[in-house]
Protein backbone atom coordinates (compact mmCIF):
# COMPACT_ATOMS: atom_id res chain seq x y z
CA MET A 1 0.01 -0.01 0.01
CA ASP A 2 1.40 3.36 -1.05
CA VAL A 3 0.32 5.73 1.74
CA ASN A 4 1.46 8.80 -0.20
CA ARG A 5 -0.61 7.84 -3.24
CA LEU A 6 -3.68 7.21 -1.11
CA SER A 7 -3.16 10.55 0.73
CA ALA A 8 -2.83 12.41 -2.53
CA ALA A 9 -5.96 10.76 -3.94
CA LEU A 10 -7.99 11.80 -0.85
CA ALA A 11 -6.54 15.34 -0.73
CA CYS A 12 -9.13 16.57 -3.26
CA PRO A 13 -12.49 17.58 -1.81
CA SER A 14 -14.35 16.07 -4.79
CA ARG A 15 -12.63 12.70 -4.46
CA LEU A 16 -13.17 12.67 -0.74
CA ALA A 17 -16.92 13.36 -1.36
CA ILE A 18 -17.04 10.37 -3.72
CA ILE A 19 -15.54 8.07 -1.08
CA ARG A 20 -18.13 9.40 1.45
CA TRP A 21 -21.06 8.96 -0.95
CA LEU A 22 -19.97 5.41 -1.78
CA LYS A 23 -20.16 4.48 1.89
CA SER A 24 -24.01 4.61 1.63
CA PRO A 25 -24.70 4.84 -2.07
CA ALA A 26 -28.47 4.34 -1.91
CA ALA A 27 -28.71 7.37 0.29
CA HIS A 28 -26.84 9.56 -2.17
CA PHE A 29 -27.74 8.34 -5.65
CA PRO A 30 -31.01 7.52 -7.46
CA PRO A 31 -32.10 3.89 -8.13
CA GLN A 32 -30.32 2.19 -11.00
CA VAL A 33 -31.98 0.09 -13.66
CA HIS A 34 -29.13 -2.14 -14.80
CA ALA A 35 -27.35 -3.11 -11.49
CA ASP A 36 -27.94 -3.28 -7.78
CA ILE A 37 -26.41 -0.10 -6.30
CA ASN A 38 -25.19 -1.85 -3.12
CA ALA A 39 -23.88 -5.02 -4.70
CA VAL A 40 -22.25 -3.70 -7.89
CA GLY A 41 -21.74 -0.01 -7.17
CA VAL A 42 -22.86 3.38 -8.59
CA CYS A 43 -23.05 4.01 -12.31
CA GLY A 44 -20.24 6.40 -13.37
CA ALA A 45 -22.86 8.61 -15.15
CA PHE A 46 -24.23 9.84 -11.86
CA PHE A 47 -21.01 11.36 -10.52
CA ALA A 48 -20.76 14.35 -12.90
CA ASP A 49 -24.15 15.66 -11.90
CA LYS A 50 -23.58 15.01 -8.20
CA LEU A 51 -20.22 16.83 -8.28
CA GLY A 52 -21.46 19.62 -10.59
CA VAL A 53 -18.60 19.01 -13.08
CA THR A 54 -18.20 17.70 -16.65
CA ALA A 55 -18.29 14.00 -17.36
CA ALA A 56 -14.55 14.16 -18.24
CA THR A 57 -13.68 15.73 -14.86
CA ALA A 58 -15.77 13.19 -12.98
CA SER A 59 -14.10 10.44 -14.91
CA ALA A 60 -10.64 11.80 -14.04
CA HIS A 61 -11.50 11.83 -10.33
CA LEU A 62 -12.85 8.26 -10.51
CA ARG A 63 -9.73 7.05 -12.38
CA ILE A 64 -7.43 8.47 -9.67
CA LEU A 65 -9.46 6.74 -6.98
CA VAL A 66 -9.39 3.45 -8.92
CA ASP A 67 -5.64 3.70 -9.57
CA ALA A 68 -5.01 4.34 -5.83
CA GLY A 69 -7.15 1.28 -5.05
CA LEU A 70 -9.67 3.22 -2.98
CA ILE A 71 -12.56 2.18 -5.24
CA SER A 72 -13.10 -0.61 -7.74
CA SER A 73 -14.78 -0.46 -11.12
CA THR A 74 -16.92 -3.04 -12.79
CA ARG A 75 -17.98 -2.88 -16.42
CA ILE A 76 -21.49 -4.17 -17.29
CA GLY A 77 -22.50 -3.59 -20.89
CA LYS A 78 -21.74 0.02 -21.79
CA TRP A 79 -21.79 1.19 -18.12
CA THR A 80 -19.08 1.27 -15.54
CA TYR A 81 -20.01 1.00 -11.82
CA PHE A 82 -17.88 2.11 -8.91
CA LYS A 83 -17.71 0.76 -5.37
CA ARG A 84 -15.60 1.57 -2.24
CA ASN A 85 -12.77 -0.70 -1.37
CA ASP A 86 -13.35 -0.80 2.42
CA GLU A 87 -10.43 -3.20 2.92
CA ILE A 88 -7.88 -0.67 1.58
CA LEU A 89 -9.59 2.16 3.45
CA ALA A 90 -9.27 0.17 6.75
CA ALA A 91 -5.61 -0.62 6.06
CA PHE A 92 -4.91 3.07 5.26
CA SER A 93 -6.70 4.16 8.42
CA ALA A 94 -4.61 1.69 10.50
CA SER A 95 -1.38 2.90 8.91
CA ILE A 96 -2.31 6.53 9.66
CA ALA A 97 -3.11 5.57 13.31
CA GLU A 98 0.40 4.25 13.66
CA LEU A 99 2.03 7.68 12.86
């Protein structure tokens, strides 16, 4: 685990908001037609509107979080769904507590 990379990924308020929203996705996003929001994750199309940014900007934020391992992505058909990686978040939290 690269603590510096995780810290950098979470240093942006928009990416931190994404992580928070994904903790309880059904509370922050509308119902999805193609996949269960809790089992598969949140459709990438919802993030741009929620953040108030362009689709390209939302995609860049999601990619940084995926590359850091903080969230995972699953492709179903033409849609990509995103879900928190609570295991990595717990390990990161534990490493911070050791400082």
